[in-house]
Protein backbone atom coordinates (compact mmCIF):
# COMPACT_ATOMS: atom_id res chain seq x y z
CA MET A 1 23.73 -0.74 13.26
CA SER A 2 27.00 -1.76 10.96
CA GLU A 3 27.56 -4.75 13.66
CA LEU A 4 24.30 -5.97 13.05
CA VAL A 5 24.60 -6.11 9.23
CA SER A 6 25.95 -9.46 7.23
CA ARG A 7 24.97 -8.31 3.50
CA ALA A 8 23.91 -5.56 1.54
CA ILE A 9 22.32 -5.42 -1.73
CA ARG A 10 22.65 -2.38 -3.67
CA GLY A 11 19.94 -1.82 -6.64
CA SER A 12 16.25 -0.49 -7.27
CA PHE A 13 13.42 -1.61 -5.14
CA PHE A 14 10.01 -2.03 -5.53
CA ASP A 15 7.51 -3.12 -2.43
CA PHE A 16 4.37 -2.36 -0.21
CA THR A 17 4.98 -0.99 3.03
CA GLY A 18 1.49 -1.92 4.42
CA THR A 19 -1.62 -4.49 3.58
CA ALA A 20 -4.76 -3.14 1.62
CA THR A 21 -8.21 -4.56 1.87
CA HIS A 22 -9.60 -2.50 -1.39
CA PRO A 23 -8.21 -3.12 -4.89
CA GLN A 24 -7.36 0.49 -5.43
CA LYS A 25 -5.63 0.95 -1.95
CA PRO A 26 -2.12 -0.70 -2.53
CA ALA A 27 -0.67 2.36 -4.18
CA ASP A 28 -1.25 3.84 -0.62
CA TYR A 29 1.61 1.57 0.49
CA ALA A 30 3.61 1.44 -2.62
CA ARG A 31 7.41 2.31 -2.19
CA TYR A 32 10.04 2.78 -4.85
CA VAL A 33 13.76 3.40 -4.33
CA GLU A 34 15.41 3.95 -7.21
CA GLU A 35 19.13 3.84 -5.49
CA GLY A 36 18.47 1.82 -2.72
CA LEU A 37 20.30 -0.35 -0.40
CA LEU A 38 18.74 -3.45 1.48
CA LEU A 39 20.76 -4.47 4.74
CA LEU A 40 20.32 -8.05 5.84
CA ASN A 41 21.48 -9.65 8.93
CA GLY A 42 21.58 -13.54 7.85
CA GLY A 43 18.11 -14.33 6.77
CA LYS A 44 16.41 -11.00 7.89
CA VAL A 45 15.99 -7.71 6.79
CA VAL A 46 17.69 -5.06 8.51
CA SER A 47 16.50 -2.16 6.81
CA LEU A 48 16.03 -0.43 3.30
CA GLN A 49 16.54 2.86 2.57
CA THR A 50 18.59 5.01 -0.30
CA TRP A 51 21.84 4.19 -1.06
CA GLU A 52 23.07 7.62 0.22
CA ALA A 53 21.49 7.46 3.48
CA GLY A 54 22.81 4.09 4.08
CA ARG A 55 26.42 3.79 2.74
CA HIS A 56 27.76 5.12 5.61
CA LEU A 57 26.85 1.72 7.56
CA LEU A 58 28.96 -0.36 5.45
CA THR A 59 31.97 -1.66 6.63
CA ASP A 60 34.72 -3.89 5.22
CA LYS A 61 33.09 -6.86 6.62
CA VAL A 62 29.72 -6.27 4.85
CA GLU A 63 29.64 -8.39 1.63
CA VAL A 64 28.03 -5.78 -1.05
CA THR A 65 25.96 -7.21 -4.09
CA ASP A 66 25.44 -4.94 -6.65
CA TYR A 67 22.49 -5.46 -8.92
CA ARG A 68 22.27 -1.69 -10.14
CA GLY A 69 20.10 -1.84 -13.58
CA LYS A 70 17.90 -4.41 -12.10
CA LEU A 71 14.68 -4.03 -10.12
CA ILE A 72 14.33 -6.15 -6.86
CA VAL A 73 11.03 -6.97 -5.78
CA PRO A 74 9.79 -9.35 -2.83
CA GLY A 75 9.61 -12.93 -3.90
CA PHE A 76 6.34 -13.87 -5.66
CA VAL A 77 3.99 -15.95 -3.40
CA ASP A 78 2.10 -18.93 -5.26
CA CYS A 79 -1.07 -19.42 -3.67
CA HIS A 80 -2.28 -22.27 -5.13
CA ILE A 81 -0.07 -25.15 -7.38
CA HIS A 82 0.16 -28.87 -7.78
CA TYR A 83 3.59 -30.30 -7.94
CA PRO A 84 2.67 -33.75 -9.02
CA GLN A 85 1.26 -32.11 -12.03
CA THR A 86 4.00 -30.43 -13.30
CA GLU A 87 5.06 -33.39 -15.56
CA MET A 88 1.31 -33.07 -17.36
CA ILE A 89 1.36 -29.28 -17.76
CA GLY A 90 -0.22 -28.53 -21.31
CA ALA A 91 -2.29 -31.46 -21.65
CA PHE A 92 -4.74 -30.95 -24.32
CA GLY A 93 -8.42 -30.76 -24.94
CA GLU A 94 -10.40 -31.06 -21.65
CA GLN A 95 -12.41 -29.40 -19.19
CA LEU A 96 -12.09 -29.87 -15.43
CA LEU A 97 -13.87 -33.26 -14.75
CA GLU A 98 -12.57 -34.89 -17.82
CA TRP A 99 -9.02 -33.44 -17.75
CA LEU A 100 -8.89 -35.30 -13.86
CA GLN A 101 -9.95 -38.48 -15.22
CA GLN A 102 -7.52 -38.21 -18.55
CA TYR A 103 -4.66 -36.82 -17.30
CA THR A 104 -4.37 -35.75 -13.59
CA PHE A 105 -5.11 -39.20 -11.79
CA PRO A 106 -3.00 -41.43 -13.83
CA VAL A 107 0.06 -39.07 -13.18
CA GLU A 108 -0.52 -38.79 -9.70
CA SER A 109 -0.62 -42.51 -9.20
CA GLN A 110 3.06 -42.65 -9.67
CA TYR A 111 3.97 -40.96 -6.47
CA HIS A 112 3.62 -44.08 -4.53
CA CYS A 113 7.39 -44.33 -5.51
CA GLU A 114 9.73 -42.36 -3.12
CA ALA A 115 12.44 -41.94 -5.88
CA HIS A 116 9.80 -40.48 -8.41
CA ALA A 117 8.49 -38.18 -5.84
CA ALA A 118 12.06 -37.03 -4.48
CA GLU A 119 13.33 -36.21 -8.47
CA MET A 120 9.84 -34.40 -9.45
CA SER A 121 10.05 -32.19 -5.78
CA ALA A 122 13.71 -31.18 -6.84
CA PHE A 123 12.42 -30.31 -10.53
CA PHE A 124 9.42 -28.74 -9.06
CA LEU A 125 11.33 -26.26 -6.57
CA HIS A 126 13.71 -25.53 -9.29
CA GLN A 127 10.96 -24.18 -11.54
CA LEU A 128 9.48 -22.35 -8.75
CA LEU A 129 12.99 -20.94 -7.79
CA SER A 130 13.94 -20.07 -11.41
CA ASN A 131 10.78 -17.92 -11.95
CA GLY A 132 11.18 -15.98 -8.68
CA THR A 133 8.58 -17.72 -6.60
CA THR A 134 9.73 -18.03 -3.22
CA THR A 135 6.80 -19.19 -1.26
CA ALA A 136 3.89 -21.48 -2.51
CA LEU A 137 1.01 -23.13 -1.04
CA VAL A 138 1.08 -26.75 -2.88
CA PHE A 139 -0.68 -29.82 -3.23
CA GLY A 140 0.92 -32.89 -3.18
CA THR A 141 -0.97 -36.57 -3.77
CA VAL A 142 -2.72 -38.73 -1.75
CA HIS A 143 0.36 -40.58 -1.10
CA PRO A 144 2.37 -39.50 2.28
CA GLN A 145 5.66 -39.93 0.52
CA SER A 146 4.89 -37.27 -2.20
CA VAL A 147 4.81 -35.07 0.68
CA ASP A 148 7.82 -36.45 2.64
CA ALA A 149 9.99 -35.63 -0.68
CA LEU A 150 8.67 -32.22 -0.99
CA PHE A 151 9.22 -30.69 2.34
CA SER A 152 12.50 -32.83 2.46
CA ALA A 153 13.82 -30.76 -0.66
CA ALA A 154 12.33 -27.10 0.64
CA ASP A 155 13.88 -27.95 4.00
CA ARG A 156 17.30 -28.15 2.41
CA LEU A 157 17.02 -24.88 0.57
CA GLY A 158 15.42 -23.29 3.55
CA MET A 159 12.60 -22.31 1.66
CA ARG A 160 9.17 -21.28 3.27
CA LEU A 161 6.39 -23.69 1.82
CA ILE A 162 3.02 -24.87 2.69
CA ALA A 163 1.93 -28.27 1.71
CA GLY A 164 -0.40 -31.05 2.46
CA LYS A 165 -1.27 -34.62 1.14
CA VAL A 166 -4.39 -34.91 -0.63
CA MET A 167 -7.32 -36.52 1.25
CA MET A 168 -9.53 -38.49 -1.05
CA ASP A 169 -11.82 -41.42 -0.36
CA ARG A 170 -14.36 -41.45 -3.44
CA ASN A 171 -15.06 -40.61 -7.01
CA ALA A 172 -11.28 -41.39 -8.24
CA PRO A 173 -9.27 -44.47 -9.36
CA ASP A 174 -9.23 -47.24 -6.49
CA CYS A 175 -5.36 -46.84 -6.37
CA LEU A 176 -5.64 -43.23 -5.06
CA LEU A 177 -8.58 -43.84 -2.65
CA GLU A 178 -8.11 -44.53 1.21
CA THR A 179 -10.57 -44.65 4.07
CA PRO A 180 -11.12 -41.57 6.25
CA GLU A 181 -9.22 -43.38 8.99
CA GLU A 182 -6.11 -44.14 7.07
CA SER A 183 -6.60 -40.32 5.57
CA TYR A 184 -6.59 -39.22 9.38
CA SER A 185 -3.48 -41.28 10.87
CA GLN A 186 -1.43 -40.35 7.60
CA THR A 187 -2.08 -36.96 7.53
CA ARG A 188 -1.41 -36.66 11.40
CA ALA A 189 1.80 -38.28 11.37
CA LEU A 190 2.86 -35.71 8.39
CA ILE A 191 1.93 -32.63 10.63
CA THR A 192 3.77 -34.16 13.63
CA ARG A 193 6.61 -34.58 11.20
CA TRP A 194 6.83 -31.35 9.43
CA HIS A 195 4.45 -28.92 10.74
CA ASN A 196 6.63 -25.74 11.78
CA ARG A 197 9.92 -27.24 10.89
CA GLY A 198 12.19 -24.56 9.96
CA ARG A 199 10.10 -22.67 7.50
CA LEU A 200 8.05 -25.49 6.35
CA SER A 201 3.93 -25.60 7.61
CA TYR A 202 1.29 -28.01 6.63
CA ALA A 203 -1.98 -27.57 5.06
CA LEU A 204 -5.06 -30.11 5.44
CA THR A 205 -5.82 -30.88 1.56
CA PRO A 206 -9.04 -32.44 1.04
CA ARG A 207 -8.58 -32.43 -3.02
CA PHE A 208 -12.41 -30.91 -3.28
CA ALA A 209 -15.66 -31.96 -2.34
CA PRO A 210 -16.90 -34.46 -4.97
CA THR A 211 -13.71 -36.84 -3.84
CA SER A 212 -14.76 -36.11 -0.03
CA SER A 213 -17.32 -38.33 1.82
CA PRO A 214 -19.13 -36.73 4.92
CA GLY A 215 -16.71 -39.24 6.80
CA LEU A 216 -13.69 -38.11 5.50
CA LEU A 217 -14.68 -34.23 5.92
CA ALA A 218 -15.43 -35.17 9.43
CA LYS A 219 -11.81 -36.28 9.96
CA VAL A 220 -10.65 -33.24 8.42
CA GLU A 221 -12.66 -31.25 10.78
CA GLN A 222 -11.05 -32.99 13.72
CA LEU A 223 -7.80 -32.49 12.59
CA ARG A 224 -8.36 -28.98 12.15
CA ALA A 225 -9.51 -28.80 16.05
CA GLU A 226 -6.45 -30.75 17.07
CA PHE A 227 -3.90 -28.48 14.97
CA PRO A 228 -5.75 -25.01 14.67
CA ASP A 229 -2.41 -23.33 13.39
CA THR A 230 -2.49 -25.53 10.20
CA TRP A 231 -3.75 -24.29 6.90
CA LEU A 232 -6.69 -25.83 4.93
CA HIS A 233 -6.24 -26.03 0.94
CA THR A 234 -8.95 -27.16 -1.39
CA HIS A 235 -10.74 -26.22 -4.66
CA LEU A 236 -14.06 -24.43 -4.51
CA SER A 237 -16.63 -23.55 -7.53
CA GLU A 238 -14.12 -24.05 -10.44
CA ASN A 239 -16.43 -25.47 -13.16
CA PRO A 240 -20.00 -25.15 -13.91
CA GLN A 241 -20.59 -29.31 -13.89
CA GLU A 242 -18.60 -29.57 -10.83
CA VAL A 243 -20.78 -27.01 -9.09
CA ALA A 244 -23.83 -29.19 -10.22
CA TRP A 245 -22.07 -32.30 -9.07
CA VAL A 246 -21.26 -31.19 -5.60
CA LYS A 247 -25.23 -30.00 -5.17
CA SER A 248 -26.18 -33.54 -6.06
CA LEU A 249 -23.74 -35.15 -3.65
CA PHE A 250 -24.62 -32.78 -0.76
CA PRO A 251 -28.30 -32.14 -1.47
CA ASP A 252 -28.74 -31.02 2.29
CA HIS A 253 -26.23 -27.99 2.12
CA GLN A 254 -27.32 -24.68 0.89
CA SER A 255 -24.11 -23.98 -1.41
CA TYR A 256 -20.72 -25.57 -2.45
CA LEU A 257 -19.02 -23.88 0.36
CA ASP A 258 -21.76 -24.43 2.95
CA VAL A 259 -20.18 -28.17 2.55
CA TYR A 260 -16.64 -26.90 3.98
CA HIS A 261 -18.39 -24.26 6.18
CA ARG A 262 -20.68 -26.69 7.83
CA TYR A 263 -17.44 -28.64 8.62
CA ARG A 264 -15.50 -25.69 10.23
CA LEU A 265 -13.34 -25.45 7.27
CA THR A 266 -13.60 -22.04 6.49
CA GLY A 267 -11.81 -19.05 8.22
CA LYS A 268 -8.13 -17.23 8.15
CA ARG A 269 -5.77 -19.80 6.85
CA SER A 270 -8.61 -21.53 4.56
CA VAL A 271 -7.59 -21.09 0.94
CA PHE A 272 -10.09 -21.89 -1.40
CA ALA A 273 -8.57 -21.98 -5.17
CA HIS A 274 -10.79 -20.69 -8.13
CA CYS A 275 -14.07 -19.22 -6.85
CA ILE A 276 -15.55 -18.61 -10.01
CA HIS A 277 -18.85 -19.51 -9.83
CA LEU A 278 -19.77 -18.34 -6.68
CA GLU A 279 -23.52 -17.52 -5.09
CA GLU A 280 -24.05 -14.19 -3.27
CA GLY A 281 -24.18 -16.22 -0.02
CA GLU A 282 -20.58 -17.69 -0.69
CA TRP A 283 -19.30 -14.34 -1.12
CA ALA A 284 -20.63 -13.21 2.21
CA CYS A 285 -19.52 -16.46 3.73
CA LEU A 286 -15.96 -15.81 2.58
CA GLN A 287 -15.88 -12.32 3.98
CA GLN A 288 -17.46 -13.02 7.45
CA THR A 289 -15.26 -16.02 7.92
CA ASP A 290 -11.86 -14.29 6.96
CA SER A 291 -11.41 -16.86 4.31
CA SER A 292 -8.70 -16.28 1.49
CA ILE A 293 -9.26 -16.93 -2.22
CA ALA A 294 -6.44 -17.95 -4.73
CA PHE A 295 -6.99 -16.58 -8.31
CA CYS A 296 -5.72 -18.80 -10.86
CA PRO A 297 -6.03 -16.87 -14.37
CA THR A 298 -4.12 -19.06 -16.67
CA SER A 299 -5.57 -22.55 -15.56
CA ASN A 300 -9.45 -20.86 -15.48
CA LEU A 301 -8.74 -19.88 -19.16
CA PHE A 302 -6.93 -22.97 -20.25
CA LEU A 303 -9.78 -25.30 -18.78
CA GLY A 304 -12.45 -22.90 -19.77
CA SER A 305 -13.87 -22.99 -16.48
CA GLY A 306 -14.81 -19.18 -16.66
CA LEU A 307 -13.85 -15.81 -15.32
CA PHE A 308 -12.86 -14.49 -11.58
CA ASN A 309 -14.72 -11.69 -10.59
CA LEU A 310 -11.82 -9.54 -9.23
CA ARG A 311 -14.27 -6.53 -8.65
CA THR A 312 -16.60 -8.36 -6.50
CA CYS A 313 -13.69 -9.94 -4.29
CA GLY A 314 -12.00 -6.30 -3.81
CA GLU A 315 -15.12 -4.57 -3.39
CA LYS A 316 -16.15 -7.22 -0.21
CA GLY A 317 -12.40 -7.08 1.01
CA ILE A 318 -11.52 -10.94 0.62
CA ARG A 319 -8.27 -11.86 0.90
CA MET A 320 -6.94 -12.95 -2.22
CA GLY A 321 -3.38 -13.86 -3.86
CA ILE A 322 -2.48 -15.54 -7.26
CA GLY A 323 -2.01 -19.16 -7.82
CA THR A 324 -0.38 -20.48 -11.19
CA ASP A 325 -2.22 -23.53 -10.66
CA VAL A 326 0.33 -25.82 -12.20
CA GLY A 327 -0.28 -28.19 -14.30
CA ALA A 328 -3.99 -26.92 -15.60
CA GLY A 329 -1.79 -23.33 -15.35
CA THR A 330 0.56 -23.41 -18.10
CA THR A 331 3.23 -21.33 -16.45
CA PHE A 332 5.25 -20.98 -13.41
CA ASN A 333 5.69 -17.46 -14.22
CA MET A 334 4.09 -15.04 -12.07
CA LEU A 335 4.81 -12.20 -14.40
CA GLN A 336 2.91 -14.36 -17.37
CA THR A 337 0.51 -14.98 -14.73
CA LEU A 338 -0.35 -11.44 -13.73
CA GLY A 339 -0.50 -10.64 -17.61
CA GLU A 340 -3.36 -13.16 -18.10
CA ALA A 341 -5.14 -11.96 -15.05
CA TYR A 342 -5.01 -8.34 -16.71
CA LYS A 343 -6.78 -10.04 -19.65
CA VAL A 344 -9.41 -11.62 -17.11
CA GLY A 345 -10.36 -8.18 -15.87
CA GLN A 346 -10.41 -7.00 -19.38
CA LEU A 347 -12.93 -9.24 -20.41
CA GLN A 348 -14.98 -7.97 -17.58
CA GLN A 349 -14.40 -4.07 -17.46
CA TYR A 350 -12.18 -4.58 -14.76
CA ARG A 351 -8.85 -2.36 -15.23
CA LEU A 352 -6.12 -4.65 -13.06
CA ALA A 353 -3.38 -1.90 -12.46
CA ALA A 354 0.23 -3.06 -12.13
CA CYS A 355 0.21 -1.83 -8.59
CA GLU A 356 -2.39 -4.06 -7.79
CA ALA A 357 -1.10 -6.94 -9.77
CA PHE A 358 2.11 -6.78 -7.88
CA TYR A 359 0.67 -6.51 -4.65
CA HIS A 360 -1.75 -9.68 -5.02
CA ALA A 361 1.85 -11.32 -6.06
CA THR A 362 3.99 -10.31 -3.09
CA LEU A 363 2.29 -8.79 0.24
CA GLY A 364 -1.02 -9.39 -0.73
CA GLY A 365 -0.55 -13.15 -1.43
CA ALA A 366 1.35 -13.40 1.76
CA ARG A 367 -1.55 -12.03 3.64
CA ALA A 368 -4.05 -14.60 1.73
CA LEU A 369 -1.94 -17.03 3.46
CA ASP A 370 -1.80 -15.34 6.66
CA LEU A 371 2.19 -14.69 6.44
CA ASP A 372 2.29 -11.02 5.72
CA ASP A 373 3.89 -10.68 9.14
CA ARG A 374 7.02 -12.61 8.08
CA ILE A 375 7.01 -12.01 4.16
CA GLY A 376 5.95 -10.12 1.35
CA ASN A 377 7.93 -6.77 1.61
CA PHE A 378 11.18 -5.17 2.66
CA LEU A 379 10.20 -3.84 6.33
CA PRO A 380 12.92 -4.92 9.41
CA GLY A 381 12.64 -7.99 10.37
CA LYS A 382 11.12 -9.69 7.41
CA GLU A 383 12.29 -12.78 5.90
CA ALA A 384 14.85 -12.03 3.14
CA ASP A 385 13.01 -13.51 0.23
CA PHE A 386 13.22 -11.72 -2.88
CA VAL A 387 13.60 -11.87 -6.63
CA VAL A 388 16.22 -9.62 -9.07
CA LEU A 389 14.19 -8.64 -12.49
CA ASP A 390 16.25 -7.80 -15.22
CA PRO A 391 13.36 -5.66 -17.04
CA ALA A 392 14.80 -5.46 -20.57
CA VAL A 393 16.19 -9.19 -21.78
CA SER A 394 14.83 -8.55 -25.40
CA ALA A 395 15.35 -5.96 -28.09
CA LEU A 396 11.31 -5.31 -27.66
CA GLN A 397 11.60 -4.99 -23.82
CA GLN A 398 14.66 -2.65 -23.93
CA MET A 399 12.46 -0.26 -26.29
CA ARG A 400 9.29 -0.43 -24.07
CA GLN A 401 11.26 0.16 -20.79
CA ALA A 402 13.30 2.75 -22.22
CA ASN A 403 10.02 4.75 -23.28
CA SER A 404 8.31 3.79 -20.32
CA ARG A 405 7.36 7.21 -18.06
CA ASP A 406 7.48 5.94 -14.62
CA ILE A 407 7.57 3.13 -12.35
CA TRP A 408 4.09 1.98 -12.90
CA GLU A 409 4.35 1.95 -16.96
CA LYS A 410 7.54 -0.30 -16.40
CA LEU A 411 5.80 -2.64 -13.95
CA PHE A 412 2.88 -3.07 -16.31
CA VAL A 413 5.52 -3.91 -19.31
CA LEU A 414 6.95 -6.49 -17.10
CA MET A 415 3.91 -8.24 -16.53
CA THR A 416 2.94 -8.07 -20.10
CA LEU A 417 5.72 -8.88 -22.00
CA GLY A 418 7.82 -10.51 -19.01
CA ASP A 419 8.86 -14.20 -18.37
CA ASP A 420 11.31 -16.52 -16.60
CA ARG A 421 14.05 -14.61 -18.90
CA ASN A 422 13.26 -11.61 -16.74
CA ILE A 423 14.35 -13.52 -13.47
CA ALA A 424 18.23 -12.52 -12.94
CA HIS A 425 18.80 -14.04 -9.28
CA THR A 426 16.21 -15.70 -6.68
CA TRP A 427 17.21 -15.25 -2.82
CA VAL A 428 15.52 -17.46 -0.24
CA ASN A 429 16.37 -16.70 3.86
CA GLY A 430 19.22 -14.14 2.70
CA GLN A 431 20.84 -16.62 0.02
CA CYS A 432 21.20 -16.59 -3.65
CA VAL A 433 19.52 -19.88 -4.23
CA TRP A 434 18.97 -19.35 -8.19
CA GLN A 435 20.86 -17.85 -10.80
CA PRO A 436 21.21 -18.48 -14.80
CA VAL A 437 23.61 -21.00 -15.79
CA PRO A 438 26.33 -19.04 -17.89
CA GLU A 439 26.38 -20.11 -21.56
CA GLU A 440 29.50 -21.98 -22.35
CA ASN A 441 31.73 -20.79 -25.10
CA THR A 442 31.72 -22.32 -28.27
């Protein structure tokens, strides 16, 4: 065994050893190893065991990183985020449709510039990693160069990333529109260039039904048939006015989701962000097609869009992950996002336990992206993406961690009081890719 180990990590570990289909079931698979040893071979996990059980496997050739006093969890999975909107996060005063016109479209119009796209890609990935997120499903802009820049930067980091260029041919500024034929050819070229290159994957990304003509959706359907292992990433039922708009644009369809379903865009690896105002038939369609939902609590609250129904999603066993949805979302930090998710549940008499919340942010998110065979926990053979959390970086956190009774309370305190200060180190593919810059002595 020792010959297969290139590096070892010592500390406390928390993960889930199996996927759950009901919100109360993650606890059955939860694993907490207070004095643990994670053995790695390059970018893969060899094993996680107690320090006493594994210490004999260490040799002088194995580099040991000591994180005692820290809590190590699988890297966070962000199931919905817009990298170009990083520079407009916190924009004031609008709901969804007005917000797109006032802020989003003007910002996205800059991404025809390769240099700007490259600069913002680097900044965006740094924000993800400094907040402990190691995998993300990402919107680009309509410009192919926006995706080229993002994939190039992620590839250099060895990061697992799914992304795609926006496909959009109506109801947006002229500078952001394309024909269905242009969208097809540019998207096809990007898939050929980037899909399954290293740890990168491609998502077909029609922005949402209002900016998609039937001709464009037909091209998305054609690409999905040609490249069946790609992802589909779009928005669904975020805002009541949006839902009404879709019904007026597509009067022959039964519902908002039916627009996508008729073009065969539902199914495994189809991820629909928001899903706040779903009809019963839409819940059933998501369940029957094994589609996934990205729950985006901070953006749903920030834009006044509504409250996602956690209880219904769980009871129907629909795949679900967490999305920060920057820039309508107001933080890259998954701990803060989970805290907001808890409040969304409270407003609907649903108690989002820390166990369920951390499941959705790690293995549950991986399952929503159909990546749970590769990431999301510390089982042998999984990719070595993880975040090292310092659970007590302030006097208040120190007090609450000290008087917490068990791991569940400690995790709950982290997701209600935690933020980017709690991220001590972030590891991707078996390498430490982010750590705080030491303060200079003055």
